[in-house]
Amino acid sequence: MALSEAFQVIETLQIPNYRMEDTVRWLCSMSGDFSVASAWEEIRRKMPIAPWASIVWHKNLLPRHSTLGWRLAHGKMPTDVEVQKRGVCVVSRCSLCRKECESTAHLFLTCKFSDAVWNTFADWFGFIWGRPSSILDFLEWWKGKLRSSNLRDLWAVGAIVVCATLWEERNKRCHEGTHRSMKQLLECVKGELQECKFVIRGVKSIQDLCVKTIGLVSSTDIGSGILEVFWCKPDPNWVKLNIDGSSLGNPGKAGLGWGPCFATTRPKWCSRMENTWAFPIASKLKLKL
C-alpha cells in the first residue's frame, strides 16, 4: 500500500471520543498491570519441565540443597572423573570406599558406603532400595515412589538431603582428614531433615510424625492440631489396644469403643462400650500418642 493510500484509510477511521483520560494497559497480564514476572514469561524461551524438577526444586528444601540437586542432575558435581574431563590430571579414588574411581554415579549411588546409607533410608519408609545406575534413573525411581509413601514431602526432600550429606562427608574426608560412620552420617541426615521444618498433612512437626519410624526427637506437646493417624497391624506376639470415641457437645453425650487387636490374619475385637460418659476432654485432658 502506498503512503497516500494509507493516509486516506486513516482519514476514514472513526476514532471514539470518550470523556475520560487515556490510560496505559499492559497486554501481557490479565489485570493490565505491568509486572516483571509477566514480562519474563513473555520473552523467555519456554522449555519442557524436567522430570526431576519436583524433587530438586521442592518447596521445603533449603536453597543450598536445591542448588546441589540441580548440579547433580546436570552432571556438574566436581568429582574426580568430572575434573579429569576438564583436562586436570588427578589420581582418582573414592573417599568413601577407598577402592573405586570417584565418578558421580559411584560416589552417590554404587559406592558400598553410599549403598548402605540408601538401604537404611529406604527401609525407614518401607521401601527396598532400587540401586539405579545413573543419577537421572535415580531421580526417576525416587519420584515414582512418591505415590506409595504416606510421607510424600519427607520422602521427596530425602533424596537431595542424603546426597548433600554424602557430598559433605566426601569433602570432610578429602580436605579435613576426618570421617564419620554410617550411623553418624544418618544422624546428620535426620538433623538436615529437621532443618527443613515443613508440615505434613496437618501434623505440627516432622518430629511428631516420624519419631517411631525414623527416630527423630519428638516434641513434648503435640498441640491442638488435627493429627492424621494410619492404623497398623501389630507385630507378631504383640497385642494392640485400639481406642476411639466421639461426643455430641463438650460436655455432652459420648461413646467410647475399645478392644485389643491380636497379630492374626483377621483382627479380633474383644470389647466395645457405647454411650458411657462425657466430660470436657479437650480442655482438661492431653493425650500423648
Protein backbone atom coordinates (compact mmCIF):
# COMPACT_ATOMS: atom_id res chain seq x y z
CA MET A 1 0.00 0.00 0.00
CA ALA A 2 1.31 3.42 -0.99
CA LEU A 3 1.76 6.08 1.67
CA SER A 4 -1.00 8.25 0.15
CA GLU A 5 -3.44 5.34 0.31
CA ALA A 6 -2.52 4.73 3.93
CA PHE A 7 -3.34 8.34 4.80
CA GLN A 8 -6.71 8.03 3.06
CA VAL A 9 -7.55 4.95 5.16
CA ILE A 10 -6.51 6.75 8.33
CA GLU A 11 -8.75 9.72 7.50
CA THR A 12 -11.77 7.44 7.18
CA LEU A 13 -11.27 5.88 10.61
CA GLN A 14 -13.77 6.89 13.27
CA ILE A 15 -11.84 7.47 16.48
CA PRO A 16 -14.10 7.16 19.53
CA ASN A 17 -14.17 10.21 21.76
CA TYR A 18 -14.97 9.37 25.39
CA ARG A 19 -14.96 11.78 28.26
CA MET A 20 -12.15 10.05 30.13
CA GLU A 21 -8.39 10.14 30.26
CA ASP A 22 -6.32 7.64 28.33
CA THR A 23 -4.52 5.01 30.36
CA VAL A 24 -1.67 2.66 29.62
CA ARG A 25 -2.55 -1.04 29.79
CA TRP A 26 -0.10 -3.98 29.84
CA LEU A 27 -1.42 -6.60 27.42
CA CYS A 28 0.75 -9.41 28.80
CA SER A 29 -1.21 -9.74 32.05
CA MET A 30 -4.86 -10.36 32.75
CA SER A 31 -5.13 -7.34 35.03
CA GLY A 32 -3.49 -4.95 32.58
CA ASP A 33 -0.84 -4.01 35.13
CA PHE A 34 2.86 -4.43 34.41
CA SER A 35 4.90 -6.91 36.39
CA VAL A 36 8.40 -8.27 35.93
CA ALA A 37 7.03 -11.83 36.14
CA SER A 38 4.61 -11.29 33.23
CA ALA A 39 7.34 -9.62 31.15
CA TRP A 40 9.69 -12.53 31.82
CA GLU A 41 7.02 -15.06 30.85
CA GLU A 42 6.53 -13.17 27.58
CA ILE A 43 10.18 -13.02 26.48
CA ARG A 44 11.69 -16.17 27.97
CA ARG A 45 12.28 -19.30 25.97
CA LYS A 46 9.94 -21.90 27.42
CA MET A 47 11.27 -25.42 27.68
CA PRO A 48 9.60 -28.64 28.87
CA ILE A 49 9.67 -29.09 32.64
CA ALA A 50 12.40 -31.52 33.66
CA PRO A 51 11.03 -34.76 35.16
CA TRP A 52 13.17 -34.26 38.26
CA ALA A 53 12.03 -30.68 38.90
CA SER A 54 9.57 -31.60 41.66
CA ILE A 55 12.37 -33.35 43.56
CA VAL A 56 15.18 -30.83 43.08
CA TRP A 57 13.05 -27.70 43.50
CA HIS A 58 10.79 -28.98 46.26
CA LYS A 59 9.33 -26.10 48.28
CA ASN A 60 10.63 -27.47 51.59
CA LEU A 61 14.24 -27.94 50.52
CA LEU A 62 16.79 -25.42 51.70
CA PRO A 63 18.31 -23.34 48.87
CA ARG A 64 21.72 -24.97 49.29
CA HIS A 65 20.11 -28.39 48.90
CA SER A 66 18.25 -27.40 45.73
CA THR A 67 21.42 -25.91 44.25
CA LEU A 68 23.31 -29.13 44.87
CA GLY A 69 20.42 -31.14 43.41
CA TRP A 70 20.44 -29.04 40.23
CA ARG A 71 24.21 -29.54 39.81
CA LEU A 72 23.77 -33.25 40.43
CA ALA A 73 21.00 -33.61 37.83
CA HIS A 74 23.11 -31.77 35.22
CA GLY A 75 26.31 -33.71 35.95
CA LYS A 76 28.12 -30.65 37.29
CA MET A 77 29.43 -32.04 40.58
CA PRO A 78 33.26 -31.71 40.71
CA THR A 79 34.04 -35.36 41.34
CA ASP A 80 37.44 -36.70 40.27
CA VAL A 81 36.20 -38.06 36.95
CA GLU A 82 34.48 -34.76 36.08
CA VAL A 83 37.63 -32.82 36.95
CA GLN A 84 39.67 -35.14 34.72
CA LYS A 85 37.31 -34.36 31.82
CA ARG A 86 38.32 -30.71 32.13
CA GLY A 87 41.97 -31.56 31.49
CA VAL A 88 43.15 -31.64 35.11
CA CYS A 89 45.38 -34.59 35.92
CA VAL A 90 44.32 -36.08 39.26
CA VAL A 91 44.57 -39.56 40.75
CA SER A 92 41.02 -40.73 41.38
CA ARG A 93 39.92 -42.79 44.34
CA CYS A 94 36.55 -42.73 46.09
CA SER A 95 36.89 -41.17 49.54
CA LEU A 96 34.02 -43.23 50.96
CA CYS A 97 35.01 -46.78 49.98
CA ARG A 98 38.65 -46.05 49.01
CA LYS A 99 38.53 -48.71 46.28
CA GLU A 100 36.93 -47.42 43.05
CA CYS A 101 37.37 -44.32 40.90
CA GLU A 102 35.27 -41.39 42.07
CA SER A 103 32.60 -40.73 39.47
CA THR A 104 29.31 -39.04 40.22
CA ALA A 105 27.27 -42.24 39.87
CA HIS A 106 29.73 -44.20 42.01
CA LEU A 107 30.05 -41.64 44.80
CA PHE A 108 26.32 -41.05 45.24
CA LEU A 109 24.85 -44.42 44.23
CA THR A 110 27.01 -47.50 43.74
CA CYS A 111 29.68 -46.98 46.40
CA LYS A 112 29.31 -49.59 49.17
CA PHE A 113 29.13 -46.88 51.82
CA SER A 114 26.51 -44.86 49.90
CA ASP A 115 24.57 -48.01 49.06
CA ALA A 116 24.31 -48.89 52.75
CA VAL A 117 23.05 -45.38 53.54
CA TRP A 118 20.37 -45.56 50.83
CA ASN A 119 19.35 -49.03 52.01
CA THR A 120 18.75 -47.77 55.53
CA PHE A 121 16.96 -44.61 54.44
CA ALA A 122 14.63 -46.50 52.10
CA ASP A 123 13.93 -49.03 54.85
CA TRP A 124 12.68 -46.20 57.09
CA PHE A 125 9.82 -45.77 54.62
CA GLY A 126 9.25 -49.46 53.97
CA PHE A 127 10.89 -49.44 50.52
CA ILE A 128 13.58 -51.66 49.01
CA TRP A 129 16.46 -49.64 47.56
CA GLY A 130 16.29 -49.94 43.78
CA ARG A 131 20.02 -49.47 43.12
CA PRO A 132 19.76 -47.27 40.00
CA SER A 133 22.94 -46.94 37.97
CA SER A 134 22.70 -43.28 36.94
CA ILE A 135 21.62 -40.04 38.58
CA LEU A 136 18.69 -39.49 36.21
CA ASP A 137 17.48 -43.05 36.77
CA PHE A 138 17.83 -42.45 40.50
CA LEU A 139 15.68 -39.30 40.41
CA GLU A 140 13.07 -41.05 38.27
CA TRP A 141 12.95 -44.04 40.64
CA TRP A 142 12.68 -41.75 43.66
CA LYS A 143 9.85 -39.74 42.12
CA GLY A 144 7.97 -42.95 41.27
CA LYS A 145 7.93 -43.95 44.94
CA LEU A 146 6.09 -40.75 45.90
CA ARG A 147 2.75 -42.38 45.04
CA SER A 148 3.41 -45.20 47.52
CA SER A 149 4.52 -43.15 50.52
CA ASN A 150 2.28 -41.66 53.20
CA LEU A 151 5.09 -39.19 53.99
CA ARG A 152 5.30 -37.71 50.50
CA ASP A 153 7.08 -34.45 51.34
CA LEU A 154 9.55 -36.11 53.68
CA TRP A 155 10.39 -38.77 51.08
CA ALA A 156 10.69 -36.14 48.33
CA VAL A 157 13.24 -33.99 50.15
CA GLY A 158 15.12 -37.02 51.43
CA ALA A 159 16.73 -37.71 48.06
CA ILE A 160 18.61 -34.41 47.90
CA VAL A 161 19.25 -34.23 51.65
CA VAL A 162 21.00 -37.61 51.64
CA CYS A 163 23.03 -36.62 48.55
CA ALA A 164 24.07 -33.37 50.24
CA THR A 165 25.14 -35.26 53.37
CA LEU A 166 27.18 -37.74 51.31
CA TRP A 167 28.88 -34.85 49.48
CA GLU A 168 29.67 -33.15 52.78
CA GLU A 169 31.18 -36.38 54.11
CA ARG A 170 33.26 -36.74 50.95
CA ASN A 171 34.66 -33.22 51.35
CA LYS A 172 35.46 -33.76 55.04
CA ARG A 173 37.41 -36.90 54.22
CA CYS A 174 39.25 -35.27 51.30
CA HIS A 175 40.13 -31.91 52.82
CA GLU A 176 39.96 -32.33 56.60
CA GLY A 177 41.05 -35.93 57.07
CA THR A 178 38.04 -36.74 59.26
CA HIS A 179 35.39 -39.36 58.70
CA ARG A 180 32.09 -40.42 60.22
CA SER A 181 30.49 -43.82 60.49
CA MET A 182 27.29 -44.64 58.63
CA LYS A 183 25.33 -44.31 61.88
CA GLN A 184 26.73 -40.84 62.50
CA LEU A 185 26.01 -39.80 58.92
CA LEU A 186 22.38 -40.95 59.22
CA GLU A 187 22.05 -38.83 62.35
CA CYS A 188 23.24 -35.88 60.29
CA VAL A 189 20.57 -36.71 57.70
CA LYS A 190 17.92 -36.53 60.45
CA GLY A 191 19.29 -33.17 61.53
CA GLU A 192 19.11 -31.85 57.97
CA LEU A 193 15.52 -33.08 57.67
CA GLN A 194 14.59 -31.26 60.86
CA GLU A 195 16.04 -28.03 59.40
CA CYS A 196 13.51 -28.24 56.55
CA LYS A 197 10.70 -27.59 59.08
CA PHE A 198 7.72 -28.50 56.95
CA VAL A 199 4.22 -29.59 57.94
CA ILE A 200 2.85 -32.93 56.72
CA ARG A 201 -0.94 -33.35 56.48
CA GLY A 202 -1.87 -31.29 59.49
CA VAL A 203 0.94 -32.58 61.70
CA LYS A 204 2.56 -29.91 63.81
CA SER A 205 6.12 -31.00 63.09
CA ILE A 206 8.13 -33.67 61.38
CA GLN A 207 9.30 -34.95 64.77
CA ASP A 208 5.76 -35.88 65.89
CA LEU A 209 5.09 -37.97 62.82
CA CYS A 210 8.41 -39.74 62.38
CA VAL A 211 9.56 -40.37 65.95
CA LYS A 212 8.87 -44.13 65.78
CA THR A 213 9.87 -44.85 62.19
CA ILE A 214 12.95 -42.69 61.82
CA GLY A 215 13.85 -41.91 65.41
CA LEU A 216 13.70 -38.11 65.33
CA VAL A 217 13.33 -36.26 68.61
CA SER A 218 9.64 -35.90 69.46
CA SER A 219 8.24 -32.63 70.73
CA THR A 220 6.74 -32.67 74.23
CA ASP A 221 3.35 -31.26 73.25
CA ILE A 222 1.52 -32.31 70.09
CA GLY A 223 -0.70 -29.23 70.24
CA SER A 224 -4.36 -28.93 69.34
CA GLY A 225 -3.99 -29.55 65.61
CA ILE A 226 -5.57 -32.46 63.79
CA LEU A 227 -3.30 -35.50 63.72
CA GLU A 228 -3.86 -37.97 60.88
CA VAL A 229 -3.23 -41.49 62.19
CA PHE A 230 -2.65 -44.53 59.98
CA TRP A 231 -3.69 -47.84 61.53
CA CYS A 232 -1.01 -50.52 61.52
CA LYS A 233 -1.31 -54.21 62.26
CA PRO A 234 0.54 -55.19 65.47
CA ASP A 235 3.82 -57.07 65.28
CA PRO A 236 3.86 -60.83 65.95
CA ASN A 237 3.36 -61.74 69.64
CA TRP A 238 2.13 -58.21 70.39
CA VAL A 239 -1.35 -57.03 71.37
CA LYS A 240 -2.51 -53.64 70.18
CA LEU A 241 -5.14 -51.73 72.16
CA ASN A 242 -7.37 -49.67 69.85
CA ILE A 243 -9.45 -46.85 71.37
CA ASP A 244 -11.82 -44.43 69.69
CA GLY A 245 -14.75 -42.25 70.67
CA SER A 246 -16.87 -39.26 69.86
CA SER A 247 -19.16 -36.83 71.66
CA LEU A 248 -22.09 -34.54 70.89
CA GLY A 249 -21.15 -31.40 72.75
CA ASN A 250 -18.49 -30.82 75.38
CA PRO A 251 -19.82 -31.85 77.85
CA GLY A 252 -22.49 -33.95 76.15
CA LYS A 253 -23.44 -37.46 75.10
CA ALA A 254 -20.44 -39.54 74.17
CA GLY A 255 -19.49 -43.01 73.03
CA LEU A 256 -16.30 -44.95 73.59
CA GLY A 257 -15.04 -48.11 71.91
CA TRP A 258 -12.00 -50.13 72.81
CA GLY A 259 -10.52 -53.56 72.37
CA PRO A 260 -7.24 -55.37 71.85
CA CYS A 261 -6.25 -56.49 68.39
CA PHE A 262 -4.03 -59.54 68.05
CA ALA A 263 -1.43 -60.14 65.32
CA THR A 264 -3.56 -62.60 63.39
CA THR A 265 -4.68 -62.68 59.79
CA ARG A 266 -8.05 -61.21 60.81
CA PRO A 267 -8.16 -58.69 63.69
CA LYS A 268 -10.34 -59.74 66.62
CA TRP A 269 -12.23 -57.13 68.61
CA CYS A 270 -12.90 -58.15 72.18
CA SER A 271 -14.93 -55.37 73.78
CA ARG A 272 -16.97 -52.31 72.95
CA MET A 273 -18.84 -49.79 75.10
CA GLU A 274 -21.33 -47.23 73.87
CA ASN A 275 -22.97 -44.19 75.49
CA THR A 276 -20.70 -44.45 78.50
CA TRP A 277 -19.82 -40.99 79.77
CA ALA A 278 -18.99 -37.49 78.64
CA PHE A 279 -16.60 -34.94 80.05
CA PRO A 280 -14.68 -31.94 78.68
CA ILE A 281 -11.76 -33.84 77.18
CA ALA A 282 -10.35 -31.00 75.11
CA SER A 283 -9.87 -28.58 77.97
CA LYS A 284 -8.74 -30.90 80.77
CA LEU A 285 -7.04 -33.91 79.18
CA LYS A 286 -3.98 -34.13 76.96
CA LEU A 287 -3.19 -37.42 75.27
CA LYS A 288 0.33 -38.30 74.19
CA LEU A 289 0.13 -40.75 71.26
